[in-house]
Amino acid sequence: MRRVCLTLPTHRACPGTIAAIGEEAAYGARQFGVDVHLLILDSSPAPVLAEHRKAVAALPASPGVAVHHLDEDEQRAFLREVAERSGGASADRLLELMLPSRVSYGACTNRAFLIAQALGCTSVHRRDSDSRYQHLDGEPVFPLHQELSYLGQQADDVRQSATRSKLAPGSGDRRVAMTGGSFVGEMSVDVAEIRDLDPDTYRELVGLSIPEGYPEIWRSHLIDESFRGAGTTSFDGDRTTLAPISPMRVDMCNIGLDHEVYRRVPLPPATDTIGSDYFLLHLVHDAKLPGVQHNRHIVNFHTEERRTDAGFLAYQVRFAKFLLAKTYLNTVFARTAAAGDALLDPEGRIRASVVAGFVRDSVGLDRADVARRLDVIDRAYRRLGGRYTTVADMLADHRSRLLDEARDDMADFALLMDHWEALAGASAESGLGQVRAVNR
């Protein structure tokens, strides 16, 4: 029977999300006759972890659903065994990249990828702790419906059932590698505040994420599209597009990936850097792999932590690090876009070694380009004033470290890529027995 992994990485209180994603898992098993492994990767502090254990225990038993709730100690034990089994680099070094001490959006998803391999799953479906589902006629609208309908199917077989098709020529025999929707509701609370305070400064900062060389009309359009999701339109019926999916049109809280993608290439393990987990979205698009974009958008909201001074400062640092990382990432994306389907082997699978080479080459970029970006960020925050001055001061105090980390994060990514396929293979060999289900 087909097995799939529906995963929720979290480091903050979200018992309501756990209950809701439990409903989505039950829906998937019931409607599609698959085994759904609901995987909660929990890095929360002890009191929150205890609250989550109660929420997991309260999930109704559902045929076809296995629930796995792993705290960091349990994740670490699994990862160490896999790293040692892989026979690659130092297990301690690999463990550091897969389970860093600081927040890493890429690393938490990489852990889900590896555990999904051990569980024998053919796809990973990610949600976030600050997500809710839309409703239609009183029923929740689950993205898992579209993900299970299309992932892994041959594109030519999907063409008739999709609302519309913009498939790249010659790719009809390829598998659907990704499905994705976006979010509706609030845009990022902190970025929205910057836009409200000073629209010009907002455009300057967000503009740093756009590759250089774009015509101004396109730059302006992409800035307007960034961080906005799908707006506020309510779901009123399914619409799907078969095409290589633009990373601008989907969100990582609403993504399904086929195992042929994530078992070959991981996500960057960069710490405290938003957007680092979007790498595979760019790669799948640039390789012209088929995807299905749908409109079962998640409802975005912000946890109370995001509205505290500490939450504000943490997010702004992660945003600034994202803008620095984009110096390197945009260089890689320029090369993957130019390579196109040359990124694929004759069987239509991503050539991981080619991508790793692009990443490794980016490490040698002139650090002065990154420093100039940091200068722009510093001036922008000081212009905003108020608590943004505190952010600017922090960035200035840690200037050298931030510049080093932006470069070193890419070197770490290249290192992880070198060992990823061995790690994925070792995970698959470890089998179901290594990942305990709490409801069986």
Protein backbone atom coordinates (compact mmCIF):
# COMPACT_ATOMS: atom_id res chain seq x y z
CA MET A 1 0.00 0.00 0.00
CA ARG A 2 1.17 3.53 -0.80
CA ARG A 3 2.67 5.32 2.20
CA VAL A 4 2.89 9.09 2.50
CA CYS A 5 4.36 11.38 5.15
CA LEU A 6 2.35 14.39 6.34
CA THR A 7 4.75 16.40 8.48
CA LEU A 8 4.53 19.26 10.95
CA PRO A 9 7.86 20.66 12.17
CA THR A 10 7.39 22.97 15.16
CA HIS A 11 9.26 24.78 17.90
CA ARG A 12 6.31 26.62 19.44
CA ALA A 13 2.87 25.94 20.92
CA CYS A 14 0.35 24.74 18.32
CA PRO A 15 -2.10 22.20 19.83
CA GLY A 16 -4.86 23.46 17.56
CA THR A 17 -2.74 22.83 14.47
CA ILE A 18 -1.95 19.31 15.71
CA ALA A 19 -5.66 18.56 16.00
CA ALA A 20 -6.34 19.99 12.54
CA ILE A 21 -3.51 18.15 10.81
CA GLY A 22 -4.72 14.97 12.49
CA GLU A 23 -8.03 15.49 10.69
CA GLU A 24 -6.19 15.99 7.40
CA ALA A 25 -4.25 12.75 7.90
CA ALA A 26 -7.48 10.84 8.59
CA TYR A 27 -9.06 12.38 5.50
CA GLY A 28 -6.17 11.29 3.29
CA ALA A 29 -6.23 7.71 4.56
CA ARG A 30 -10.01 7.48 4.25
CA GLN A 31 -10.44 9.09 0.83
CA PHE A 32 -7.39 7.67 -0.93
CA GLY A 33 -6.81 4.33 0.76
CA VAL A 34 -3.21 5.14 1.65
CA ASP A 35 -1.18 4.77 4.81
CA VAL A 36 -0.58 8.28 6.18
CA HIS A 37 2.37 8.69 8.54
CA LEU A 38 1.70 11.87 10.50
CA LEU A 39 5.16 13.04 11.57
CA ILE A 40 5.44 15.81 14.19
CA LEU A 41 9.04 16.95 14.66
CA ASP A 42 9.02 18.86 17.92
CA SER A 43 11.78 21.22 19.03
CA SER A 44 9.59 23.02 21.58
CA PRO A 45 10.65 23.76 25.18
CA ALA A 46 9.58 21.22 27.79
CA PRO A 47 6.26 22.81 28.91
CA VAL A 48 5.11 23.21 25.30
CA LEU A 49 6.31 19.72 24.42
CA ALA A 50 4.17 18.33 27.24
CA GLU A 51 1.17 20.26 25.92
CA HIS A 52 1.80 18.80 22.47
CA ARG A 53 2.02 15.27 23.84
CA LYS A 54 -1.47 15.73 25.29
CA ALA A 55 -2.74 17.05 21.95
CA VAL A 56 -1.26 14.04 20.13
CA ALA A 57 -2.74 11.63 22.68
CA ALA A 58 -6.15 13.23 22.13
CA LEU A 59 -6.13 12.57 18.37
CA PRO A 60 -8.92 10.11 17.50
CA ALA A 61 -7.79 6.70 16.32
CA SER A 62 -8.13 6.53 12.55
CA PRO A 63 -7.59 3.54 10.24
CA GLY A 64 -4.54 3.98 8.05
CA VAL A 65 -2.98 6.73 10.16
CA ALA A 66 0.23 6.22 12.15
CA VAL A 67 1.26 9.14 14.36
CA HIS A 68 4.92 9.80 15.13
CA HIS A 69 5.76 12.55 17.63
CA LEU A 70 9.52 12.94 18.00
CA ASP A 71 11.23 15.35 20.36
CA GLU A 72 14.80 16.45 19.65
CA ASP A 73 16.38 13.63 21.66
CA GLU A 74 14.45 11.06 19.62
CA GLN A 75 15.31 12.84 16.37
CA ARG A 76 18.98 12.98 17.35
CA ALA A 77 19.12 9.27 18.11
CA PHE A 78 17.63 8.43 14.72
CA LEU A 79 19.90 10.82 12.85
CA ARG A 80 23.06 9.62 14.57
CA GLU A 81 22.27 6.01 13.68
CA VAL A 82 21.64 7.04 10.05
CA ALA A 83 24.79 9.19 9.86
CA GLU A 84 26.94 6.36 11.20
CA ARG A 85 25.29 3.82 8.91
CA SER A 86 25.88 6.06 5.85
CA GLY A 87 29.65 5.66 6.21
CA GLY A 88 30.33 9.21 5.06
CA ALA A 89 31.83 12.19 6.85
CA SER A 90 32.01 12.59 10.62
CA ALA A 91 28.67 11.62 12.13
CA ASP A 92 28.97 14.56 14.53
CA ARG A 93 29.41 17.00 11.64
CA LEU A 94 26.46 15.61 9.71
CA LEU A 95 24.33 15.62 12.85
CA GLU A 96 25.19 19.29 13.37
CA LEU A 97 23.94 20.08 9.86
CA MET A 98 20.74 18.07 10.27
CA LEU A 99 19.88 19.13 13.83
CA PRO A 100 21.54 22.48 14.55
CA SER A 101 21.12 24.22 17.90
CA ARG A 102 19.46 27.23 16.20
CA VAL A 103 16.28 27.46 14.13
CA SER A 104 16.74 26.09 10.61
CA TYR A 105 13.79 25.91 8.22
CA GLY A 106 15.75 23.71 5.84
CA ALA A 107 17.17 21.32 8.43
CA CYS A 108 13.79 20.57 10.02
CA THR A 109 12.40 19.63 6.61
CA ASN A 110 15.52 17.59 5.79
CA ARG A 111 14.84 15.55 8.92
CA ALA A 112 11.33 14.89 7.66
CA PHE A 113 12.77 13.77 4.32
CA LEU A 114 15.09 11.26 5.97
CA ILE A 115 12.47 9.89 8.36
CA ALA A 116 10.03 9.56 5.44
CA GLN A 117 12.64 7.39 3.74
CA ALA A 118 12.78 5.15 6.82
CA LEU A 119 8.98 4.94 6.84
CA GLY A 120 8.94 3.84 3.20
CA CYS A 121 6.95 6.88 2.08
CA THR A 122 6.73 7.98 -1.54
CA SER A 123 6.07 11.65 -0.77
CA VAL A 124 6.38 14.31 1.93
CA HIS A 125 3.62 16.86 2.59
CA ARG A 126 4.59 19.81 4.81
CA ARG A 127 2.47 22.08 6.99
CA ASP A 128 3.47 24.78 9.49
CA SER A 129 2.48 25.52 13.07
CA ASP A 130 0.85 28.85 12.14
CA SER A 131 -1.55 27.32 9.61
CA ARG A 132 -5.28 26.69 9.51
CA TYR A 133 -7.54 25.25 6.80
CA GLN A 134 -10.21 27.01 4.78
CA HIS A 135 -13.76 25.65 4.87
CA LEU A 136 -16.40 25.16 2.18
CA ASP A 137 -19.96 24.25 3.12
CA GLY A 138 -18.78 23.58 6.66
CA GLU A 139 -16.06 21.11 5.63
CA PRO A 140 -12.29 21.76 5.85
CA VAL A 141 -10.46 22.15 2.54
CA PHE A 142 -7.42 19.91 2.79
CA PRO A 143 -4.48 20.42 0.39
CA LEU A 144 -3.67 16.72 0.85
CA HIS A 145 -6.53 15.97 -1.56
CA GLN A 146 -4.70 17.54 -4.50
CA GLU A 147 -1.32 16.28 -3.38
CA LEU A 148 -2.45 12.65 -3.25
CA SER A 149 -4.37 13.03 -6.52
CA TYR A 150 -1.38 14.14 -8.56
CA LEU A 151 2.03 13.52 -6.97
CA GLY A 152 4.05 10.86 -8.78
CA GLN A 153 1.58 10.60 -11.66
CA GLN A 154 2.80 10.90 -15.25
CA ALA A 155 2.11 14.40 -16.50
CA ASP A 156 0.32 13.21 -19.65
CA ASP A 157 -2.11 11.27 -17.44
CA VAL A 158 -2.84 14.40 -15.42
CA ARG A 159 -3.32 16.74 -18.36
CA GLN A 160 -7.02 15.93 -18.86
CA SER A 161 -8.01 16.28 -15.20
CA ALA A 162 -6.17 19.54 -14.52
CA THR A 163 -8.13 22.76 -15.03
CA ARG A 164 -5.45 23.99 -17.39
CA SER A 165 -2.05 22.90 -18.62
CA LYS A 166 1.09 24.90 -19.35
CA LEU A 167 3.36 21.89 -19.51
CA ALA A 168 6.83 22.39 -20.95
CA PRO A 169 7.21 20.70 -24.38
CA GLY A 170 8.64 17.19 -24.18
CA SER A 171 7.94 16.72 -20.47
CA GLY A 172 4.65 14.83 -20.71
CA ASP A 173 6.29 11.52 -19.78
CA ARG A 174 7.78 12.94 -16.58
CA ARG A 175 6.29 12.40 -13.13
CA VAL A 176 4.56 15.20 -11.24
CA ALA A 177 7.35 16.13 -8.84
CA MET A 178 5.59 18.76 -6.74
CA THR A 179 2.15 20.01 -5.82
CA GLY A 180 1.62 23.29 -4.07
CA GLY A 181 -0.76 25.97 -2.95
CA SER A 182 -0.18 29.22 -1.13
CA PHE A 183 -1.79 30.93 1.84
CA VAL A 184 -4.59 33.43 2.28
CA GLY A 185 -4.95 35.96 5.04
CA GLU A 186 -2.29 38.00 6.77
CA MET A 187 1.03 38.54 5.08
CA SER A 188 4.08 38.33 7.32
CA VAL A 189 3.29 40.59 10.27
CA ASP A 190 6.75 42.16 10.49
CA VAL A 191 7.22 42.73 6.77
CA ALA A 192 3.71 44.19 6.62
CA GLU A 193 4.69 46.70 9.31
CA ILE A 194 7.70 47.81 7.26
CA ARG A 195 5.45 48.31 4.23
CA ASP A 196 3.00 50.37 6.29
CA LEU A 197 5.72 52.49 7.89
CA ASP A 198 7.64 53.29 4.70
CA PRO A 199 6.61 51.75 1.35
CA ASP A 200 9.82 52.91 -0.35
CA THR A 201 12.02 51.28 2.27
CA TYR A 202 9.91 48.13 2.02
CA ARG A 203 10.48 48.01 -1.73
CA GLU A 204 14.19 48.60 -1.26
CA LEU A 205 14.54 45.75 1.22
CA VAL A 206 12.35 43.24 -0.60
CA GLY A 207 14.07 44.27 -3.83
CA LEU A 208 17.29 42.80 -2.47
CA SER A 209 15.72 39.36 -2.85
CA ILE A 210 15.14 39.83 -6.60
CA PRO A 211 17.98 38.79 -8.93
CA GLU A 212 19.91 41.66 -10.49
CA GLY A 213 19.44 42.38 -14.17
CA TYR A 214 15.67 42.05 -14.25
CA PRO A 215 13.87 44.84 -16.17
CA GLU A 216 12.42 47.38 -13.75
CA ILE A 217 8.83 46.49 -14.68
CA TRP A 218 9.48 42.85 -13.73
CA ARG A 219 11.34 43.80 -10.55
CA SER A 220 8.41 45.95 -9.48
CA HIS A 221 5.96 43.13 -10.19
CA LEU A 222 8.00 40.57 -8.24
CA ILE A 223 8.35 42.92 -5.27
CA ASP A 224 4.58 43.40 -5.25
CA GLU A 225 4.06 39.62 -5.35
CA SER A 226 6.52 38.79 -2.58
CA PHE A 227 5.24 37.80 0.89
CA ARG A 228 1.64 38.29 -0.25
CA GLY A 229 0.47 34.72 -0.74
CA ALA A 230 -2.82 34.32 -2.62
CA GLY A 231 -4.51 37.38 -1.11
CA THR A 232 -7.83 37.06 0.68
CA THR A 233 -10.05 35.19 -1.82
CA SER A 234 -12.00 32.38 -0.20
CA PHE A 235 -12.02 28.87 -1.67
CA ASP A 236 -15.06 28.26 -3.86
CA GLY A 237 -14.03 25.17 -5.82
CA ASP A 238 -10.93 23.40 -7.11
CA ARG A 239 -8.74 24.89 -9.81
CA THR A 240 -5.45 23.30 -10.83
CA THR A 241 -2.65 24.15 -13.24
CA LEU A 242 -0.26 21.54 -14.61
CA ALA A 243 3.08 23.29 -15.19
CA PRO A 244 6.51 23.85 -13.70
CA ILE A 245 5.40 25.78 -10.59
CA SER A 246 6.81 29.23 -9.90
CA PRO A 247 8.23 29.41 -6.34
CA MET A 248 6.45 32.77 -6.05
CA ARG A 249 3.07 31.04 -6.30
CA VAL A 250 3.32 28.53 -3.47
CA ASP A 251 4.29 28.45 0.18
CA MET A 252 6.21 25.87 2.18
CA CYS A 253 3.25 25.44 4.55
CA ASN A 254 1.34 23.98 1.60
CA ILE A 255 3.74 21.73 -0.32
CA GLY A 256 3.93 18.11 -1.42
CA LEU A 257 7.15 16.68 -2.89
CA ASP A 258 7.76 13.35 -4.61
CA HIS A 259 10.52 11.19 -3.13
CA GLU A 260 12.44 11.25 -6.43
CA VAL A 261 13.23 14.89 -5.63
CA TYR A 262 14.07 14.96 -1.93
CA ARG A 263 16.04 11.74 -1.78
CA ARG A 264 18.55 13.26 -4.21
CA VAL A 265 18.85 16.88 -3.06
CA PRO A 266 18.30 18.30 0.45
CA LEU A 267 17.47 21.84 1.53
CA PRO A 268 20.11 24.30 2.75
CA PRO A 269 20.67 23.79 6.50
CA ALA A 270 21.23 27.53 7.06
CA THR A 271 20.26 28.72 10.54
CA ASP A 272 18.06 31.72 11.38
CA THR A 273 17.37 32.36 7.69
CA ILE A 274 13.83 32.55 6.33
CA GLY A 275 13.31 31.33 2.77
CA SER A 276 16.21 28.87 2.90
CA ASP A 277 13.70 26.02 2.63
CA TYR A 278 12.51 27.16 -0.82
CA PHE A 279 15.57 25.82 -2.65
CA LEU A 280 13.89 22.69 -4.02
CA LEU A 281 10.97 24.74 -5.33
CA HIS A 282 13.39 26.72 -7.50
CA LEU A 283 15.24 23.58 -8.55
CA VAL A 284 12.10 21.68 -9.58
CA HIS A 285 10.89 24.70 -11.55
CA ASP A 286 14.22 25.30 -13.30
CA ALA A 287 14.53 21.61 -14.24
CA LYS A 288 11.10 21.93 -15.90
CA LEU A 289 9.71 19.08 -13.83
CA PRO A 290 5.90 18.95 -13.92
CA GLY A 291 4.00 20.29 -10.95
CA VAL A 292 0.38 20.91 -10.06
CA GLN A 293 -0.48 24.28 -8.57
CA HIS A 294 -3.81 24.29 -6.74
CA ASN A 295 -6.01 26.76 -4.87
CA ARG A 296 -6.56 24.85 -1.63
CA HIS A 297 -4.72 27.62 0.16
CA ILE A 298 -3.81 27.47 3.86
CA VAL A 299 -5.15 30.21 6.15
CA ASN A 300 -2.16 32.08 7.55
CA PHE A 301 -2.11 33.52 11.05
CA HIS A 302 0.58 34.57 13.49
CA THR A 303 1.19 32.98 16.87
CA GLU A 304 1.46 35.28 19.87
CA GLU A 305 5.23 34.74 19.98
CA ARG A 306 5.55 36.58 16.67
CA ARG A 307 4.01 39.67 18.24
CA THR A 308 6.45 39.90 21.15
CA ASP A 309 9.62 42.03 21.11
CA ALA A 310 11.73 38.88 21.15
CA GLY A 311 9.73 37.36 18.29
CA PHE A 312 10.02 40.59 16.31
CA LEU A 313 13.79 40.76 16.73
CA ALA A 314 14.26 37.09 15.85
CA TYR A 315 12.22 37.43 12.65
CA GLN A 316 14.01 40.59 11.51
CA VAL A 317 17.40 38.94 11.93
CA ARG A 318 16.15 35.93 9.93
CA PHE A 319 14.84 38.28 7.25
CA ALA A 320 18.17 40.13 7.06
CA LYS A 321 20.05 36.83 6.80
CA PHE A 322 17.72 35.78 4.00
CA LEU A 323 18.59 38.95 2.07
CA LEU A 324 22.31 38.23 2.54
CA ALA A 325 21.91 34.58 1.55
CA LYS A 326 20.17 35.66 -1.63
CA THR A 327 23.51 36.91 -2.96
CA TYR A 328 24.64 33.30 -3.15
CA LEU A 329 21.30 31.65 -3.85
CA ASN A 330 20.46 33.90 -6.80
CA THR A 331 23.82 33.03 -8.35
CA VAL A 332 22.96 29.34 -8.05
CA PHE A 333 19.45 29.88 -9.41
CA ALA A 334 20.81 31.75 -12.43
CA ARG A 335 22.85 28.65 -13.29
CA THR A 336 20.02 26.17 -12.66
CA ALA A 337 17.69 28.27 -14.82
CA ALA A 338 20.28 28.35 -17.60
CA ALA A 339 20.81 24.59 -17.32
CA GLY A 340 17.09 23.80 -17.59
CA ASP A 341 16.35 20.16 -18.20
CA ALA A 342 20.08 19.48 -18.50
CA LEU A 343 19.76 19.25 -14.71
CA LEU A 344 18.08 15.88 -15.31
CA ASP A 345 19.56 12.48 -16.18
CA PRO A 346 18.09 10.36 -19.01
CA GLU A 347 15.47 8.97 -16.59
CA GLY A 348 14.29 12.48 -15.71
CA ARG A 349 15.88 12.54 -12.25
CA ILE A 350 17.82 15.50 -10.87
CA ARG A 351 21.62 15.27 -11.21
CA ALA A 352 22.57 16.06 -7.64
CA SER A 353 26.28 16.37 -8.45
CA VAL A 354 25.59 19.16 -10.97
CA VAL A 355 23.56 21.14 -8.45
CA ALA A 356 26.19 20.60 -5.75
CA GLY A 357 28.80 22.01 -8.12
CA PHE A 358 26.76 25.18 -8.63
CA VAL A 359 26.39 25.59 -4.86
CA ARG A 360 30.08 24.98 -4.22
CA ASP A 361 31.10 27.50 -6.88
CA SER A 362 28.93 30.17 -5.27
CA VAL A 363 30.99 30.04 -2.09
CA GLY A 364 33.78 31.88 -3.91
CA LEU A 365 31.69 35.00 -4.60
CA ASP A 366 33.25 38.30 -3.63
CA ARG A 367 32.27 38.98 -0.02
CA ALA A 368 32.17 42.71 -0.84
CA ASP A 369 28.85 42.17 -2.64
CA VAL A 370 27.35 40.72 0.52
CA ALA A 371 28.80 43.53 2.62
CA ARG A 372 27.18 46.12 0.37
CA ARG A 373 23.82 44.39 0.92
CA LEU A 374 24.31 44.56 4.66
CA ASP A 375 25.03 48.28 4.37
CA VAL A 376 21.73 48.78 2.52
CA ILE A 377 19.87 46.79 5.19
CA ASP A 378 21.52 48.80 7.98
CA ARG A 379 20.55 52.15 6.42
CA ALA A 380 17.00 50.94 5.76
CA TYR A 381 16.41 49.86 9.36
CA ARG A 382 17.84 53.08 10.76
CA ARG A 383 15.58 55.03 8.43
CA LEU A 384 12.57 53.12 9.81
CA GLY A 385 13.60 54.11 13.33
CA GLY A 386 12.02 52.93 16.58
CA ARG A 387 12.59 49.27 17.36
CA TYR A 388 14.12 48.78 13.90
CA THR A 389 17.12 50.76 15.16
CA THR A 390 17.67 47.97 17.69
CA VAL A 391 17.76 45.49 14.82
CA ALA A 392 20.28 47.65 12.95
CA ASP A 393 22.46 47.84 16.07
CA MET A 394 22.39 44.07 16.46
CA LEU A 395 23.31 43.54 12.82
CA ALA A 396 26.15 46.04 13.14
CA ASP A 397 27.46 44.37 16.31
CA HIS A 398 27.55 41.00 14.54
CA ARG A 399 28.54 42.24 11.08
CA SER A 400 31.60 40.06 10.57
CA ARG A 401 29.85 36.93 11.84
CA LEU A 402 26.83 37.53 9.60
CA LEU A 403 29.03 37.90 6.52
CA ASP A 404 30.93 34.74 7.43
CA GLU A 405 27.73 32.79 8.05
CA ALA A 406 26.21 33.76 4.71
CA ARG A 407 29.22 32.21 2.95
CA ASP A 408 29.69 29.29 5.33
CA ASP A 409 26.02 28.31 5.08
CA MET A 410 26.52 27.62 1.37
CA ALA A 411 29.69 25.63 2.04
CA ASP A 412 27.74 23.58 4.59
CA PHE A 413 25.00 23.03 2.04
CA ALA A 414 27.51 21.71 -0.49
CA LEU A 415 28.95 19.38 2.13
CA LEU A 416 25.52 18.04 3.03
CA MET A 417 24.70 17.50 -0.63
CA ASP A 418 27.86 15.44 -1.05
CA HIS A 419 26.59 13.00 1.59
CA TRP A 420 22.85 13.29 1.09
CA GLU A 421 22.16 10.30 -1.13
CA ALA A 422 24.13 8.07 1.24
CA LEU A 423 22.11 9.45 4.17
CA ALA A 424 18.84 8.90 2.32
CA GLY A 425 19.88 5.36 1.47
CA ALA A 426 20.88 4.62 5.06
CA SER A 427 17.54 5.98 6.25
CA ALA A 428 15.65 3.71 3.86
CA GLU A 429 17.68 0.72 5.07
CA SER A 430 16.94 1.50 8.72
CA GLY A 431 13.24 0.81 8.15
CA LEU A 432 10.02 1.38 10.07
CA GLY A 433 11.37 -0.02 13.32
CA GLN A 434 13.55 3.03 13.86
CA VAL A 435 10.60 5.46 14.02
CA ARG A 436 8.11 4.63 16.76
CA ALA A 437 4.40 5.33 16.22
CA VAL A 438 2.68 6.63 19.34
CA ASN A 439 -0.80 5.36 18.37
CA ARG A 440 0.05 1.75 17.55
